[in-house]
Amino acid sequence: MKKTKEFILVLSLIAAMFLAFVAIDSTTNLTNTVQASSISFPKNMRGHWKSKPTYTWQKKHINKWMAIPAMDMKVTAKKATWHYVGYLLKGMGYNHKKYVLRMSNSNGILKGHGPFGQTNSFEIRGKKLILFYQGGGMITFNKAR
């Protein structure tokens, strides 16, 4: 009799844990679908942004010593499109094609084709938009006039 009570107790405990897991899983899935559809760039990030070219350590800034060309970026609620503008270094893989970055989650991580790899994120510091890219670099953008 005692073993039957223990068996029923263990069985009811397993059933309660299973029901709790199903309830938690269903609410998690519900919140994830709601968040995924409402992820967008903040309003202070939206607009037309431009960056200046980055040069190497030499003092005189000439095209020969350019490291990263100037960039043009337009940020809307759901995506950020960017492309290089002006002079492009030959043989470095730069082109004038437009690429798209989209917000993948609420942490600010972007997915899509970034300038240097697939891992990118945005941050606003004062009146500047900063694009952090894979490898520890960053590109600073100013609002276009």
Protein backbone atom coordinates (compact mmCIF):
# COMPACT_ATOMS: atom_id res chain seq x y z
CA MET A 1 0.00 0.00 0.00
CA LYS A 2 2.82 2.38 0.90
CA LYS A 3 4.62 1.70 -2.41
CA THR A 4 1.42 2.42 -4.37
CA LYS A 5 1.02 5.79 -2.66
CA GLU A 6 4.66 6.65 -3.39
CA PHE A 7 4.24 5.58 -7.02
CA ILE A 8 1.09 7.73 -7.41
CA LEU A 9 2.87 10.67 -5.76
CA VAL A 10 5.86 10.39 -8.12
CA LEU A 11 3.55 10.03 -11.13
CA SER A 12 1.52 13.11 -10.15
CA LEU A 13 4.74 15.07 -9.57
CA ILE A 14 6.00 14.18 -13.08
CA ALA A 15 2.64 15.15 -14.59
CA ALA A 16 2.68 18.50 -12.75
CA MET A 17 6.23 19.22 -13.99
CA PHE A 18 5.23 18.36 -17.56
CA LEU A 19 2.18 20.66 -17.42
CA ALA A 20 4.30 23.49 -15.96
CA PHE A 21 6.86 23.03 -18.76
CA VAL A 22 4.15 23.12 -21.43
CA ALA A 23 2.63 26.28 -19.92
CA ILE A 24 6.01 28.05 -19.74
CA ASP A 25 6.94 26.98 -23.28
CA SER A 26 3.65 28.22 -24.75
CA THR A 27 3.95 31.64 -23.07
CA THR A 28 7.58 31.95 -24.18
CA ASN A 29 6.64 31.20 -27.78
CA LEU A 30 3.82 33.73 -27.61
CA THR A 31 6.09 36.51 -26.34
CA ASN A 32 8.80 35.69 -28.89
CA THR A 33 6.39 35.99 -31.80
CA VAL A 34 5.03 39.29 -30.50
CA GLN A 35 8.52 40.75 -30.04
CA ALA A 36 9.80 39.54 -33.42
CA SER A 37 7.09 41.41 -35.29
CA SER A 38 7.56 44.64 -33.32
CA ILE A 39 11.37 44.96 -33.48
CA SER A 40 12.35 48.23 -35.14
CA PHE A 41 15.07 50.85 -35.03
CA PRO A 42 14.51 53.65 -32.49
CA LYS A 43 13.31 56.96 -33.93
CA ASN A 44 16.55 58.77 -33.07
CA MET A 45 18.49 56.33 -35.30
CA ARG A 46 16.27 56.80 -38.34
CA GLY A 47 17.21 59.09 -41.20
CA HIS A 48 20.05 59.71 -43.62
CA TRP A 49 23.59 59.27 -42.22
CA LYS A 50 27.03 59.82 -43.77
CA SER A 51 30.54 58.87 -42.71
CA LYS A 52 33.86 60.32 -43.75
CA PRO A 53 36.63 58.13 -45.16
CA THR A 54 39.11 56.67 -42.70
CA TYR A 55 42.79 57.08 -43.49
CA THR A 56 45.90 55.25 -42.32
CA TRP A 57 48.44 56.83 -39.99
CA GLN A 58 50.00 59.20 -42.56
CA LYS A 59 49.45 62.92 -41.98
CA LYS A 60 48.57 63.95 -45.53
CA HIS A 61 45.18 62.46 -46.43
CA ILE A 62 45.32 61.30 -50.01
CA ASN A 63 43.33 58.53 -51.68
CA LYS A 64 46.37 56.26 -51.69
CA TRP A 65 46.36 56.17 -47.87
CA MET A 66 42.63 55.63 -47.44
CA ALA A 67 41.68 52.62 -45.30
CA ILE A 68 37.85 52.73 -45.41
CA PRO A 69 35.91 54.76 -48.03
CA ALA A 70 33.07 57.13 -47.14
CA MET A 71 29.71 55.49 -46.50
CA ASP A 72 26.10 56.54 -46.96
CA MET A 73 23.36 54.95 -44.81
CA LYS A 74 19.60 55.33 -44.70
CA VAL A 75 17.87 53.92 -41.61
CA THR A 76 14.13 53.27 -41.64
CA ALA A 77 11.96 51.55 -39.04
CA LYS A 78 12.73 48.02 -40.22
CA LYS A 79 16.04 48.17 -42.13
CA ALA A 80 19.25 50.08 -42.71
CA THR A 81 20.60 50.29 -46.27
CA TRP A 82 24.22 51.33 -46.78
CA HIS A 83 26.74 51.68 -49.58
CA TYR A 84 30.19 53.14 -50.21
CA VAL A 85 30.30 56.52 -51.95
CA GLY A 86 33.02 58.48 -53.71
CA TYR A 87 36.49 57.12 -54.40
CA LEU A 88 36.96 53.39 -53.78
CA LEU A 89 40.30 51.68 -53.35
CA LYS A 90 41.18 49.31 -56.17
CA GLY A 91 41.67 45.66 -55.35
CA MET A 92 40.23 45.89 -51.84
CA GLY A 93 36.76 44.47 -52.62
CA TYR A 94 34.88 47.75 -52.16
CA ASN A 95 31.94 48.46 -54.50
CA HIS A 96 29.01 50.85 -54.82
CA LYS A 97 26.31 48.17 -54.32
CA LYS A 98 23.63 48.80 -51.71
CA TYR A 99 23.41 46.35 -48.80
CA VAL A 100 20.73 45.84 -46.15
CA LEU A 101 21.00 45.32 -42.40
CA ARG A 102 17.97 44.31 -40.32
CA MET A 103 17.46 44.15 -36.57
CA SER A 104 17.55 40.50 -35.48
CA ASN A 105 16.56 40.96 -31.82
CA SER A 106 15.99 43.66 -29.26
CA ASN A 107 19.67 43.63 -28.18
CA GLY A 108 20.65 45.74 -31.19
CA ILE A 109 22.42 42.94 -33.08
CA LEU A 110 22.01 43.35 -36.83
CA LYS A 111 21.84 40.64 -39.44
CA GLY A 112 22.63 41.05 -43.08
CA HIS A 113 25.65 42.11 -45.11
CA GLY A 114 27.77 44.48 -43.05
CA PRO A 115 30.89 46.29 -44.19
CA PHE A 116 33.30 43.83 -42.52
CA GLY A 117 31.53 40.59 -41.63
CA GLN A 118 28.09 39.53 -40.49
CA THR A 119 28.18 40.63 -36.83
CA ASN A 120 27.18 44.30 -36.54
CA SER A 121 25.40 46.59 -34.08
CA PHE A 122 24.34 50.25 -33.82
CA GLU A 123 24.65 52.72 -31.00
CA ILE A 124 23.76 56.41 -30.65
CA ARG A 125 26.26 58.63 -28.83
CA GLY A 126 25.13 62.21 -28.73
CA LYS A 127 24.38 63.22 -32.31
CA LYS A 128 26.50 60.46 -33.87
CA LEU A 129 25.46 56.98 -34.99
CA ILE A 130 28.18 54.39 -34.50
CA LEU A 131 28.26 51.09 -36.41
CA PHE A 132 30.29 48.44 -34.60
CA TYR A 133 31.45 45.62 -36.83
CA GLN A 134 33.04 42.22 -36.46
CA GLY A 135 36.67 42.40 -35.39
CA GLY A 136 36.32 45.29 -32.95
CA GLY A 137 36.13 48.21 -35.36
CA MET A 138 33.63 51.03 -35.61
CA ILE A 139 32.47 53.58 -38.17
CA THR A 140 31.06 56.93 -37.02
CA PHE A 141 28.17 58.51 -38.96
CA ASN A 142 26.86 62.07 -38.84
CA LYS A 143 23.36 63.18 -39.89
CA ALA A 144 23.24 64.21 -43.53
CA ARG A 145 22.07 67.77 -44.16
